[in-house]
Amino acid sequence: VHLGDMAPELHAQLATPLMETGVAHVLTHGEEMFFLREKLP
C-alpha cells in the first residue's frame, strides 16, 4: 500500500526476485498485484 504513482512499477519489479525463489504457484490478492501478475510466467 501507499506507493502512489510508483505502484505499477514497484509491484512489477517483484517478478524477477520472486521467480528466483523456486516458487511453483503464486496466488495474488489486491488490485495492485495485477502489475506483478503481468510479469510472471
PDB file of all heavy atoms in Angstrom:
ATOM      1  N   VAL A   1       0.825  -1.213   0.000  1.00  0.00           N
ATOM      2  CA  VAL A   1       0.000   0.000   0.000  1.00  0.00           C
ATOM      3  C   VAL A   1       0.857   1.259   0.000  1.00  0.00           C
ATOM      4  O   VAL A   1       2.061   1.217   0.261  1.00  0.00           O
ATOM      5  CB  VAL A   1      -0.963   0.028   1.208  1.00  0.00           C
ATOM      6  CG1 VAL A   1      -1.955  -1.114   1.117  1.00  0.00           C
ATOM      7  CG2 VAL A   1      -0.219  -0.006   2.524  1.00  0.00           C
ATOM      8  N   HIS A   2       0.224   2.372  -0.312  1.00  0.00           N
ATOM      9  CA  HIS A   2       0.812   3.708  -0.239  1.00  0.00           C
ATOM     10  C   HIS A   2       2.022   3.918  -1.140  1.00  0.00           C
ATOM     11  O   HIS A   2       2.979   4.581  -0.760  1.00  0.00           O
ATOM     12  CB  HIS A   2       1.164   4.064   1.209  1.00  0.00           C
ATOM     13  CG  HIS A   2       0.006   4.012   2.129  1.00  0.00           C
ATOM     14  ND1 HIS A   2      -1.138   4.744   1.932  1.00  0.00           N
ATOM     15  CD2 HIS A   2      -0.213   3.286   3.244  1.00  0.00           C
ATOM     16  CE1 HIS A   2      -2.002   4.487   2.887  1.00  0.00           C
ATOM     17  NE2 HIS A   2      -1.474   3.595   3.691  1.00  0.00           N
ATOM     18  N   LEU A   3       1.962   3.366  -2.341  1.00  0.00           N
ATOM     19  CA  LEU A   3       3.048   3.577  -3.294  1.00  0.00           C
ATOM     20  C   LEU A   3       2.717   4.667  -4.315  1.00  0.00           C
ATOM     21  O   LEU A   3       3.593   5.077  -5.076  1.00  0.00           O
ATOM     22  CB  LEU A   3       3.377   2.278  -4.030  1.00  0.00           C
ATOM     23  CG  LEU A   3       3.947   1.157  -3.174  1.00  0.00           C
ATOM     24  CD1 LEU A   3       4.178  -0.084  -4.021  1.00  0.00           C
ATOM     25  CD2 LEU A   3       5.237   1.583  -2.479  1.00  0.00           C
ATOM     26  N   GLY A   4       1.463   5.088  -4.337  1.00  0.00           N
ATOM     27  CA  GLY A   4       1.056   6.151  -5.248  1.00  0.00           C
ATOM     28  C   GLY A   4       1.343   5.798  -6.694  1.00  0.00           C
ATOM     29  O   GLY A   4       1.083   4.683  -7.147  1.00  0.00           O
ATOM     30  N   ASP A   5       1.911   6.751  -7.430  1.00  0.00           N
ATOM     31  CA  ASP A   5       2.202   6.571  -8.850  1.00  0.00           C
ATOM     32  C   ASP A   5       3.264   5.503  -9.114  1.00  0.00           C
ATOM     33  O   ASP A   5       3.412   5.032 -10.241  1.00  0.00           O
ATOM     34  CB  ASP A   5       2.666   7.885  -9.474  1.00  0.00           C
ATOM     35  CG  ASP A   5       1.569   8.941  -9.503  1.00  0.00           C
ATOM     36  OD1 ASP A   5       0.381   8.569  -9.383  1.00  0.00           O
ATOM     37  OD2 ASP A   5       1.902  10.132  -9.645  1.00  0.00           O
ATOM     38  N   MET A   6       4.001   5.126  -8.077  1.00  0.00           N
ATOM     39  CA  MET A   6       5.055   4.114  -8.241  1.00  0.00           C
ATOM     40  C   MET A   6       4.521   2.682  -8.130  1.00  0.00           C
ATOM     41  O   MET A   6       5.257   1.726  -8.375  1.00  0.00           O
ATOM     42  CB  MET A   6       6.148   4.331  -7.187  1.00  0.00           C
ATOM     43  CG  MET A   6       6.905   5.643  -7.337  1.00  0.00           C
ATOM     44  SD  MET A   6       7.841   5.716  -8.879  1.00  0.00           S
ATOM     45  CE  MET A   6       9.037   4.441  -8.607  1.00  0.00           C
ATOM     46  N   ALA A   7       3.253   2.507  -7.770  1.00  0.00           N
ATOM     47  CA  ALA A   7       2.691   1.162  -7.547  1.00  0.00           C
ATOM     48  C   ALA A   7       2.878   0.232  -8.743  1.00  0.00           C
ATOM     49  O   ALA A   7       3.331  -0.915  -8.558  1.00  0.00           O
ATOM     50  CB  ALA A   7       1.227   1.259  -7.139  1.00  0.00           C
ATOM     51  N   PRO A   8       2.544   0.653  -9.967  1.00  0.00           N
ATOM     52  CA  PRO A   8       2.713  -0.280 -11.087  1.00  0.00           C
ATOM     53  C   PRO A   8       4.154  -0.769 -11.241  1.00  0.00           C
ATOM     54  O   PRO A   8       4.406  -1.977 -11.335  1.00  0.00           O
ATOM     55  CB  PRO A   8       2.270   0.536 -12.302  1.00  0.00           C
ATOM     56  CG  PRO A   8       1.328   1.556 -11.756  1.00  0.00           C
ATOM     57  CD  PRO A   8       1.884   1.905 -10.401  1.00  0.00           C
ATOM     58  N   GLU A   9       5.090   0.149 -11.240  1.00  0.00           N
ATOM     59  CA  GLU A   9       6.495  -0.207 -11.451  1.00  0.00           C
ATOM     60  C   GLU A   9       7.048  -1.059 -10.314  1.00  0.00           C
ATOM     61  O   GLU A   9       7.718  -2.073 -10.551  1.00  0.00           O
ATOM     62  CB  GLU A   9       7.328   1.067 -11.594  1.00  0.00           C
ATOM     63  CG  GLU A   9       8.798   0.818 -11.782  1.00  0.00           C
ATOM     64  CD  GLU A   9       9.611   2.097 -11.864  1.00  0.00           C
ATOM     65  OE1 GLU A   9       9.024   3.194 -12.018  1.00  0.00           O
ATOM     66  OE2 GLU A   9      10.834   1.999 -11.771  1.00  0.00           O
ATOM     67  N   LEU A  10       6.774  -0.674  -9.078  1.00  0.00           N
ATOM     68  CA  LEU A  10       7.348  -1.398  -7.947  1.00  0.00           C
ATOM     69  C   LEU A  10       6.750  -2.793  -7.781  1.00  0.00           C
ATOM     70  O   LEU A  10       7.469  -3.736  -7.435  1.00  0.00           O
ATOM     71  CB  LEU A  10       7.201  -0.579  -6.668  1.00  0.00           C
ATOM     72  CG  LEU A  10       8.046   0.706  -6.655  1.00  0.00           C
ATOM     73  CD1 LEU A  10       7.750   1.545  -5.430  1.00  0.00           C
ATOM     74  CD2 LEU A  10       9.536   0.380  -6.744  1.00  0.00           C
ATOM     75  N   HIS A  11       5.465  -2.955  -8.045  1.00  0.00           N
ATOM     76  CA  HIS A  11       4.885  -4.297  -7.997  1.00  0.00           C
ATOM     77  C   HIS A  11       5.451  -5.167  -9.115  1.00  0.00           C
ATOM     78  O   HIS A  11       5.777  -6.341  -8.902  1.00  0.00           O
ATOM     79  CB  HIS A  11       3.350  -4.236  -8.070  1.00  0.00           C
ATOM     80  CG  HIS A  11       2.710  -3.898  -6.765  1.00  0.00           C
ATOM     81  ND1 HIS A  11       2.522  -2.591  -6.359  1.00  0.00           N
ATOM     82  CD2 HIS A  11       2.221  -4.684  -5.780  1.00  0.00           C
ATOM     83  CE1 HIS A  11       1.944  -2.596  -5.170  1.00  0.00           C
ATOM     84  NE2 HIS A  11       1.745  -3.857  -4.799  1.00  0.00           N
ATOM     85  N   ALA A  12       5.587  -4.617 -10.307  1.00  0.00           N
ATOM     86  CA  ALA A  12       6.125  -5.367 -11.450  1.00  0.00           C
ATOM     87  C   ALA A  12       7.571  -5.798 -11.200  1.00  0.00           C
ATOM     88  O   ALA A  12       7.976  -6.894 -11.603  1.00  0.00           O
ATOM     89  CB  ALA A  12       6.029  -4.529 -12.719  1.00  0.00           C
ATOM     90  N   GLN A  13       8.348  -4.963 -10.517  1.00  0.00           N
ATOM     91  CA  GLN A  13       9.754  -5.274 -10.258  1.00  0.00           C
ATOM     92  C   GLN A  13       9.939  -6.439  -9.285  1.00  0.00           C
ATOM     93  O   GLN A  13      11.043  -6.963  -9.148  1.00  0.00           O
ATOM     94  CB  GLN A  13      10.485  -4.040  -9.730  1.00  0.00           C
ATOM     95  CG  GLN A  13      10.727  -2.996 -10.781  1.00  0.00           C
ATOM     96  CD  GLN A  13      11.412  -1.756 -10.234  1.00  0.00           C
ATOM     97  OE1 GLN A  13      11.721  -1.642  -9.044  1.00  0.00           O
ATOM     98  NE2 GLN A  13      11.654  -0.793 -11.112  1.00  0.00           N
ATOM     99  N   LEU A  14       8.888  -6.879  -8.646  1.00  0.00           N
ATOM    100  CA  LEU A  14       8.983  -8.025  -7.740  1.00  0.00           C
ATOM    101  C   LEU A  14       9.063  -9.352  -8.490  1.00  0.00           C
ATOM    102  O   LEU A  14       9.420 -10.378  -7.921  1.00  0.00           O
ATOM    103  CB  LEU A  14       7.775  -8.058  -6.798  1.00  0.00           C
ATOM    104  CG  LEU A  14       7.624  -6.889  -5.827  1.00  0.00           C
ATOM    105  CD1 LEU A  14       6.296  -6.994  -5.089  1.00  0.00           C
ATOM    106  CD2 LEU A  14       8.795  -6.846  -4.846  1.00  0.00           C
ATOM    107  N   ALA A  15       8.745  -9.349  -9.776  1.00  0.00           N
ATOM    108  CA  ALA A  15       8.641 -10.595 -10.537  1.00  0.00           C
ATOM    109  C   ALA A  15       9.949 -11.388 -10.568  1.00  0.00           C
ATOM    110  O   ALA A  15       9.957 -12.586 -10.255  1.00  0.00           O
ATOM    111  CB  ALA A  15       8.151 -10.309 -11.953  1.00  0.00           C
ATOM    112  N   THR A  16      11.034 -10.767 -10.949  1.00  0.00           N
ATOM    113  CA  THR A  16      12.296 -11.497 -11.065  1.00  0.00           C
ATOM    114  C   THR A  16      12.751 -12.068  -9.728  1.00  0.00           C
ATOM    115  O   THR A  16      13.055 -13.265  -9.650  1.00  0.00           O
ATOM    116  CB  THR A  16      13.379 -10.617 -11.710  1.00  0.00           C
ATOM    117  OG1 THR A  16      12.946 -10.262 -13.027  1.00  0.00           O
ATOM    118  CG2 THR A  16      14.718 -11.339 -11.779  1.00  0.00           C
ATOM    119  N   PRO A  17      12.782 -11.273  -8.644  1.00  0.00           N
ATOM    120  CA  PRO A  17      13.175 -11.865  -7.359  1.00  0.00           C
ATOM    121  C   PRO A  17      12.231 -12.994  -6.921  1.00  0.00           C
ATOM    122  O   PRO A  17      12.679 -13.980  -6.335  1.00  0.00           O
ATOM    123  CB  PRO A  17      13.122 -10.699  -6.371  1.00  0.00           C
ATOM    124  CG  PRO A  17      13.161  -9.472  -7.194  1.00  0.00           C
ATOM    125  CD  PRO A  17      12.597  -9.817  -8.532  1.00  0.00           C
ATOM    126  N   LEU A  18      10.946 -12.878  -7.226  1.00  0.00           N
ATOM    127  CA  LEU A  18      10.009 -13.942  -6.866  1.00  0.00           C
ATOM    128  C   LEU A  18      10.310 -15.211  -7.654  1.00  0.00           C
ATOM    129  O   LEU A  18      10.335 -16.309  -7.088  1.00  0.00           O
ATOM    130  CB  LEU A  18       8.568 -13.481  -7.107  1.00  0.00           C
ATOM    131  CG  LEU A  18       7.479 -14.508  -6.824  1.00  0.00           C
ATOM    132  CD1 LEU A  18       7.500 -14.961  -5.357  1.00  0.00           C
ATOM    133  CD2 LEU A  18       6.110 -13.930  -7.178  1.00  0.00           C
ATOM    134  N   MET A  19      10.566 -15.090  -8.937  1.00  0.00           N
ATOM    135  CA  MET A  19      10.858 -16.265  -9.761  1.00  0.00           C
ATOM    136  C   MET A  19      12.139 -16.966  -9.306  1.00  0.00           C
ATOM    137  O   MET A  19      12.277 -18.175  -9.456  1.00  0.00           O
ATOM    138  CB  MET A  19      10.948 -15.874 -11.234  1.00  0.00           C
ATOM    139  CG  MET A  19       9.601 -15.538 -11.828  1.00  0.00           C
ATOM    140  SD  MET A  19       9.655 -15.236 -13.609  1.00  0.00           S
ATOM    141  CE  MET A  19      10.343 -13.583 -13.680  1.00  0.00           C
ATOM    142  N   GLU A  20      13.067 -16.224  -8.724  1.00  0.00           N
ATOM    143  CA  GLU A  20      14.334 -16.796  -8.257  1.00  0.00           C
ATOM    144  C   GLU A  20      14.187 -17.625  -6.991  1.00  0.00           C
ATOM    145  O   GLU A  20      15.123 -18.298  -6.577  1.00  0.00           O
ATOM    146  CB  GLU A  20      15.353 -15.681  -8.053  1.00  0.00           C
ATOM    147  CG  GLU A  20      15.783 -15.031  -9.362  1.00  0.00           C
ATOM    148  CD  GLU A  20      16.627 -13.781  -9.178  1.00  0.00           C
ATOM    149  OE1 GLU A  20      16.767 -13.287  -8.034  1.00  0.00           O
ATOM    150  OE2 GLU A  20      17.137 -13.280 -10.195  1.00  0.00           O
ATOM    151  N   THR A  21      13.009 -17.617  -6.365  1.00  0.00           N
ATOM    152  CA  THR A  21      12.787 -18.367  -5.120  1.00  0.00           C
ATOM    153  C   THR A  21      12.519 -19.843  -5.358  1.00  0.00           C
ATOM    154  O   THR A  21      12.555 -20.628  -4.420  1.00  0.00           O
ATOM    155  CB  THR A  21      11.590 -17.799  -4.336  1.00  0.00           C
ATOM    156  OG1 THR A  21      10.382 -18.049  -5.072  1.00  0.00           O
ATOM    157  CG2 THR A  21      11.754 -16.328  -4.028  1.00  0.00           C
ATOM    158  N   GLY A  22      12.184 -20.215  -6.596  1.00  0.00           N
ATOM    159  CA  GLY A  22      11.769 -21.583  -6.866  1.00  0.00           C
ATOM    160  C   GLY A  22      10.287 -21.801  -6.623  1.00  0.00           C
ATOM    161  O   GLY A  22       9.831 -22.938  -6.558  1.00  0.00           O
ATOM    162  N   VAL A  23       9.539 -20.715  -6.510  1.00  0.00           N
ATOM    163  CA  VAL A  23       8.102 -20.822  -6.264  1.00  0.00           C
ATOM    164  C   VAL A  23       7.426 -21.505  -7.453  1.00  0.00           C
ATOM    165  O   VAL A  23       7.761 -21.252  -8.609  1.00  0.00           O
ATOM    166  CB  VAL A  23       7.481 -19.432  -5.974  1.00  0.00           C
ATOM    167  CG1 VAL A  23       7.463 -18.541  -7.190  1.00  0.00           C
ATOM    168  CG2 VAL A  23       6.084 -19.560  -5.385  1.00  0.00           C
ATOM    169  N   ALA A  24       6.483 -22.390  -7.129  1.00  0.00           N
ATOM    170  CA  ALA A  24       5.770 -23.134  -8.166  1.00  0.00           C
ATOM    171  C   ALA A  24       4.419 -22.531  -8.496  1.00  0.00           C
ATOM    172  O   ALA A  24       3.917 -22.704  -9.605  1.00  0.00           O
ATOM    173  CB  ALA A  24       5.573 -24.585  -7.711  1.00  0.00           C
ATOM    174  N   HIS A  25       3.820 -21.828  -7.538  1.00  0.00           N
ATOM    175  CA  HIS A  25       2.440 -21.371  -7.695  1.00  0.00           C
ATOM    176  C   HIS A  25       2.274 -20.060  -6.935  1.00  0.00           C
ATOM    177  O   HIS A  25       2.668 -19.973  -5.772  1.00  0.00           O
ATOM    178  CB  HIS A  25       1.509 -22.449  -7.124  1.00  0.00           C
ATOM    179  CG  HIS A  25       0.095 -22.353  -7.567  1.00  0.00           C
ATOM    180  ND1 HIS A  25      -0.309 -22.589  -8.865  1.00  0.00           N
ATOM    181  CD2 HIS A  25      -1.035 -22.074  -6.883  1.00  0.00           C
ATOM    182  CE1 HIS A  25      -1.624 -22.464  -8.942  1.00  0.00           C
ATOM    183  NE2 HIS A  25      -2.085 -22.147  -7.764  1.00  0.00           N
ATOM    184  N   VAL A  26       1.694 -19.060  -7.586  1.00  0.00           N
ATOM    185  CA  VAL A  26       1.522 -17.740  -6.983  1.00  0.00           C
ATOM    186  C   VAL A  26       0.041 -17.362  -7.003  1.00  0.00           C
ATOM    187  O   VAL A  26      -0.597 -17.371  -8.053  1.00  0.00           O
ATOM    188  CB  VAL A  26       2.331 -16.660  -7.748  1.00  0.00           C
ATOM    189  CG1 VAL A  26       2.112 -15.284  -7.125  1.00  0.00           C
ATOM    190  CG2 VAL A  26       3.808 -17.017  -7.766  1.00  0.00           C
ATOM    191  N   LEU A  27      -0.478 -17.043  -5.827  1.00  0.00           N
ATOM    192  CA  LEU A  27      -1.828 -16.508  -5.681  1.00  0.00           C
ATOM    193  C   LEU A  27      -1.693 -15.050  -5.297  1.00  0.00           C
ATOM    194  O   LEU A  27      -0.806 -14.690  -4.507  1.00  0.00           O
ATOM    195  CB  LEU A  27      -2.602 -17.242  -4.587  1.00  0.00           C
ATOM    196  CG  LEU A  27      -2.699 -18.752  -4.712  1.00  0.00           C
ATOM    197  CD1 LEU A  27      -3.388 -19.335  -3.492  1.00  0.00           C
ATOM    198  CD2 LEU A  27      -3.417 -19.138  -5.972  1.00  0.00           C
ATOM    199  N   THR A  28      -2.550 -14.214  -5.824  1.00  0.00           N
ATOM    200  CA  THR A  28      -2.465 -12.784  -5.516  1.00  0.00           C
ATOM    201  C   THR A  28      -3.793 -12.275  -4.978  1.00  0.00           C
ATOM    202  O   THR A  28      -4.856 -12.830  -5.252  1.00  0.00           O
ATOM    203  CB  THR A  28      -2.048 -11.985  -6.757  1.00  0.00           C
ATOM    204  OG1 THR A  28      -2.932 -12.288  -7.847  1.00  0.00           O
ATOM    205  CG2 THR A  28      -0.608 -12.302  -7.148  1.00  0.00           C
ATOM    206  N   HIS A  29      -3.676 -11.188  -4.214  1.00  0.00           N
ATOM    207  CA  HIS A  29      -4.816 -10.567  -3.536  1.00  0.00           C
ATOM    208  C   HIS A  29      -4.612  -9.057  -3.591  1.00  0.00           C
ATOM    209  O   HIS A  29      -3.577  -8.556  -3.174  1.00  0.00           O
ATOM    210  CB  HIS A  29      -4.845 -11.063  -2.083  1.00  0.00           C
ATOM    211  CG  HIS A  29      -5.924 -10.482  -1.239  1.00  0.00           C
ATOM    212  ND1 HIS A  29      -5.835  -9.233  -0.678  1.00  0.00           N
ATOM    213  CD2 HIS A  29      -7.117 -10.983  -0.832  1.00  0.00           C
ATOM    214  CE1 HIS A  29      -6.924  -9.002   0.033  1.00  0.00           C
ATOM    215  NE2 HIS A  29      -7.714 -10.042  -0.051  1.00  0.00           N
ATOM    216  N   GLY A  30      -5.572  -8.356  -4.115  1.00  0.00           N
ATOM    217  CA  GLY A  30      -5.483  -6.900  -4.174  1.00  0.00           C
ATOM    218  C   GLY A  30      -5.136  -6.394  -5.561  1.00  0.00           C
ATOM    219  O   GLY A  30      -4.352  -7.006  -6.293  1.00  0.00           O
ATOM    220  N   GLU A  31      -5.743  -5.289  -5.907  1.00  0.00           N
ATOM    221  CA  GLU A  31      -5.668  -4.738  -7.268  1.00  0.00           C
ATOM    222  C   GLU A  31      -4.240  -4.506  -7.762  1.00  0.00           C
ATOM    223  O   GLU A  31      -3.921  -4.774  -8.921  1.00  0.00           O
ATOM    224  CB  GLU A  31      -6.459  -3.427  -7.304  1.00  0.00           C
ATOM    225  CG  GLU A  31      -6.587  -2.835  -8.671  1.00  0.00           C
ATOM    226  CD  GLU A  31      -7.475  -1.607  -8.669  1.00  0.00           C
ATOM    227  OE1 GLU A  31      -8.451  -1.553  -7.903  1.00  0.00           O
ATOM    228  OE2 GLU A  31      -7.172  -0.689  -9.444  1.00  0.00           O
ATOM    229  N   GLU A  32      -3.373  -3.989  -6.901  1.00  0.00           N
ATOM    230  CA  GLU A  32      -2.018  -3.657  -7.338  1.00  0.00           C
ATOM    231  C   GLU A  32      -1.223  -4.881  -7.776  1.00  0.00           C
ATOM    232  O   GLU A  32      -0.249  -4.770  -8.517  1.00  0.00           O
ATOM    233  CB  GLU A  32      -1.262  -2.907  -6.243  1.00  0.00           C
ATOM    234  CG  GLU A  32      -1.790  -1.524  -5.954  1.00  0.00           C
ATOM    235  CD  GLU A  32      -2.882  -1.500  -4.885  1.00  0.00           C
ATOM    236  OE1 GLU A  32      -3.564  -2.524  -4.667  1.00  0.00           O
ATOM    237  OE2 GLU A  32      -3.055  -0.431  -4.260  1.00  0.00           O
ATOM    238  N   MET A  33      -1.617  -6.056  -7.327  1.00  0.00           N
ATOM    239  CA  MET A  33      -0.879  -7.270  -7.671  1.00  0.00           C
ATOM    240  C   MET A  33      -1.040  -7.672  -9.135  1.00  0.00           C
ATOM    241  O   MET A  33      -0.296  -8.498  -9.634  1.00  0.00           O
ATOM    242  CB  MET A  33      -1.276  -8.416  -6.744  1.00  0.00           C
ATOM    243  CG  MET A  33      -0.863  -8.186  -5.290  1.00  0.00           C
ATOM    244  SD  MET A  33       0.861  -7.686  -5.083  1.00  0.00           S
ATOM    245  CE  MET A  33       1.684  -9.238  -5.255  1.00  0.00           C
ATOM    246  N   PHE A  34      -1.983  -7.048  -9.851  1.00  0.00           N
ATOM    247  CA  PHE A  34      -2.093  -7.312 -11.287  1.00  0.00           C
ATOM    248  C   PHE A  34      -0.826  -6.882 -12.020  1.00  0.00           C
ATOM    249  O   PHE A  34      -0.451  -7.488 -13.024  1.00  0.00           O
ATOM    250  CB  PHE A  34      -3.314  -6.613 -11.891  1.00  0.00           C
ATOM    251  CG  PHE A  34      -4.602  -7.327 -11.615  1.00  0.00           C
ATOM    252  CD1 PHE A  34      -5.565  -6.751 -10.809  1.00  0.00           C
ATOM    253  CD2 PHE A  34      -4.849  -8.575 -12.161  1.00  0.00           C
ATOM    254  CE1 PHE A  34      -6.759  -7.408 -10.559  1.00  0.00           C
ATOM    255  CE2 PHE A  34      -6.037  -9.246 -11.914  1.00  0.00           C
ATOM    256  CZ  PHE A  34      -6.992  -8.662 -11.105  1.00  0.00           C
ATOM    257  N   PHE A  35      -0.131  -5.869 -11.504  1.00  0.00           N
ATOM    258  CA  PHE A  35       1.113  -5.415 -12.138  1.00  0.00           C
ATOM    259  C   PHE A  35       2.199  -6.481 -12.025  1.00  0.00           C
ATOM    260  O   PHE A  35       3.007  -6.661 -12.943  1.00  0.00           O
ATOM    261  CB  PHE A  35       1.584  -4.094 -11.535  1.00  0.00           C
ATOM    262  CG  PHE A  35       0.575  -2.993 -11.664  1.00  0.00           C
ATOM    263  CD1 PHE A  35      -0.043  -2.460 -10.544  1.00  0.00           C
ATOM    264  CD2 PHE A  35       0.218  -2.502 -12.912  1.00  0.00           C
ATOM    265  CE1 PHE A  35      -0.986  -1.447 -10.660  1.00  0.00           C
ATOM    266  CE2 PHE A  35      -0.727  -1.494 -13.041  1.00  0.00           C
ATOM    267  CZ  PHE A  35      -1.329  -0.961 -11.912  1.00  0.00           C
ATOM    268  N   LEU A  36       2.239  -7.200 -10.901  1.00  0.00           N
ATOM    269  CA  LEU A  36       3.161  -8.321 -10.743  1.00  0.00           C
ATOM    270  C   LEU A  36       2.754  -9.476 -11.655  1.00  0.00           C
ATOM    271  O   LEU A  36       3.591 -10.062 -12.347  1.00  0.00           O
ATOM    272  CB  LEU A  36       3.184  -8.782  -9.282  1.00  0.00           C
ATOM    273  CG  LEU A  36       3.920 -10.089  -9.001  1.00  0.00           C
ATOM    274  CD1 LEU A  36       5.390  -9.977  -9.346  1.00  0.00           C
ATOM    275  CD2 LEU A  36       3.723 -10.506  -7.552  1.00  0.00           C
ATOM    276  N   ARG A  37       1.484  -9.808 -11.672  1.00  0.00           N
ATOM    277  CA  ARG A  37       0.990 -10.930 -12.468  1.00  0.00           C
ATOM    278  C   ARG A  37       1.359 -10.792 -13.945  1.00  0.00           C
ATOM    279  O   ARG A  37       1.660 -11.787 -14.600  1.00  0.00           O
ATOM    280  CB  ARG A  37      -0.523 -11.059 -12.320  1.00  0.00           C
ATOM    281  CG  ARG A  37      -0.979 -11.460 -10.933  1.00  0.00           C
ATOM    282  CD  ARG A  37      -2.499 -11.545 -10.852  1.00  0.00           C
ATOM    283  NE  ARG A  37      -3.006 -12.665 -11.639  1.00  0.00           N
ATOM    284  CZ  ARG A  37      -3.076 -13.925 -11.221  1.00  0.00           C
ATOM    285  NH1 ARG A  37      -2.664 -14.240 -10.008  1.00  0.00           N
ATOM    286  NH2 ARG A  37      -3.558 -14.865 -12.006  1.00  0.00           N
ATOM    287  N   GLU A  38       1.349  -9.570 -14.453  1.00  0.00           N
ATOM    288  CA  GLU A  38       1.679  -9.343 -15.865  1.00  0.00           C
ATOM    289  C   GLU A  38       3.105  -9.774 -16.208  1.00  0.00           C
ATOM    290  O   GLU A  38       3.408 -10.035 -17.369  1.00  0.00           O
ATOM    291  CB  GLU A  38       1.502  -7.863 -16.213  1.00  0.00           C
ATOM    292  CG  GLU A  38       0.070  -7.397 -16.206  1.00  0.00           C
ATOM    293  CD  GLU A  38      -0.060  -5.899 -16.402  1.00  0.00           C
ATOM    294  OE1 GLU A  38       0.974  -5.190 -16.475  1.00  0.00           O
ATOM    295  OE2 GLU A  38      -1.203  -5.422 -16.467  1.00  0.00           O
ATOM    296  N   LYS A  39       3.970  -9.843 -15.220  1.00  0.00           N
ATOM    297  CA  LYS A  39       5.386 -10.151 -15.453  1.00  0.00           C
ATOM    298  C   LYS A  39       5.755 -11.602 -15.143  1.00  0.00           C
ATOM    299  O   LYS A  39       6.893 -11.998 -15.370  1.00  0.00           O
ATOM    300  CB  LYS A  39       6.266  -9.226 -14.592  1.00  0.00           C
ATOM    301  CG  LYS A  39       6.066  -7.754 -14.867  1.00  0.00           C
ATOM    302  CD  LYS A  39       6.516  -7.400 -16.258  1.00  0.00           C
ATOM    303  CE  LYS A  39       6.387  -5.906 -16.510  1.00  0.00           C
ATOM    304  NZ  LYS A  39       6.761  -5.553 -17.858  1.00  0.00           N
ATOM    305  N   LEU A  40       4.817 -12.372 -14.616  1.00  0.00           N
ATOM    306  CA  LEU A  40       5.114 -13.753 -14.240  1.00  0.00           C
ATOM    307  C   LEU A  40       4.705 -14.731 -15.343  1.00  0.00           C
ATOM    308  O   LEU A  40       3.740 -14.490 -16.065  1.00  0.00           O
ATOM    309  CB  LEU A  40       4.375 -14.113 -12.945  1.00  0.00           C
ATOM    310  CG  LEU A  40       4.819 -13.361 -11.697  1.00  0.00           C
ATOM    311  CD1 LEU A  40       3.911 -13.708 -10.519  1.00  0.00           C
ATOM    312  CD2 LEU A  40       6.274 -13.658 -11.356  1.00  0.00           C
ATOM    313  N   PRO A  41       5.418 -15.857 -15.437  1.00  0.00           N
ATOM    314  CA  PRO A  41       5.029 -16.881 -16.418  1.00  0.00           C
ATOM    315  C   PRO A  41       3.635 -17.423 -16.094  1.00  0.00           C
ATOM    316  O   PRO A  41       3.286 -17.612 -14.927  1.00  0.00           O
ATOM    317  CB  PRO A  41       6.082 -17.979 -16.237  1.00  0.00           C
ATOM    318  CG  PRO A  41       7.179 -17.385 -15.439  1.00  0.00           C
ATOM    319  CD  PRO A  41       6.614 -16.233 -14.686  1.00  0.00           C
TER     320      PRO A  41
END
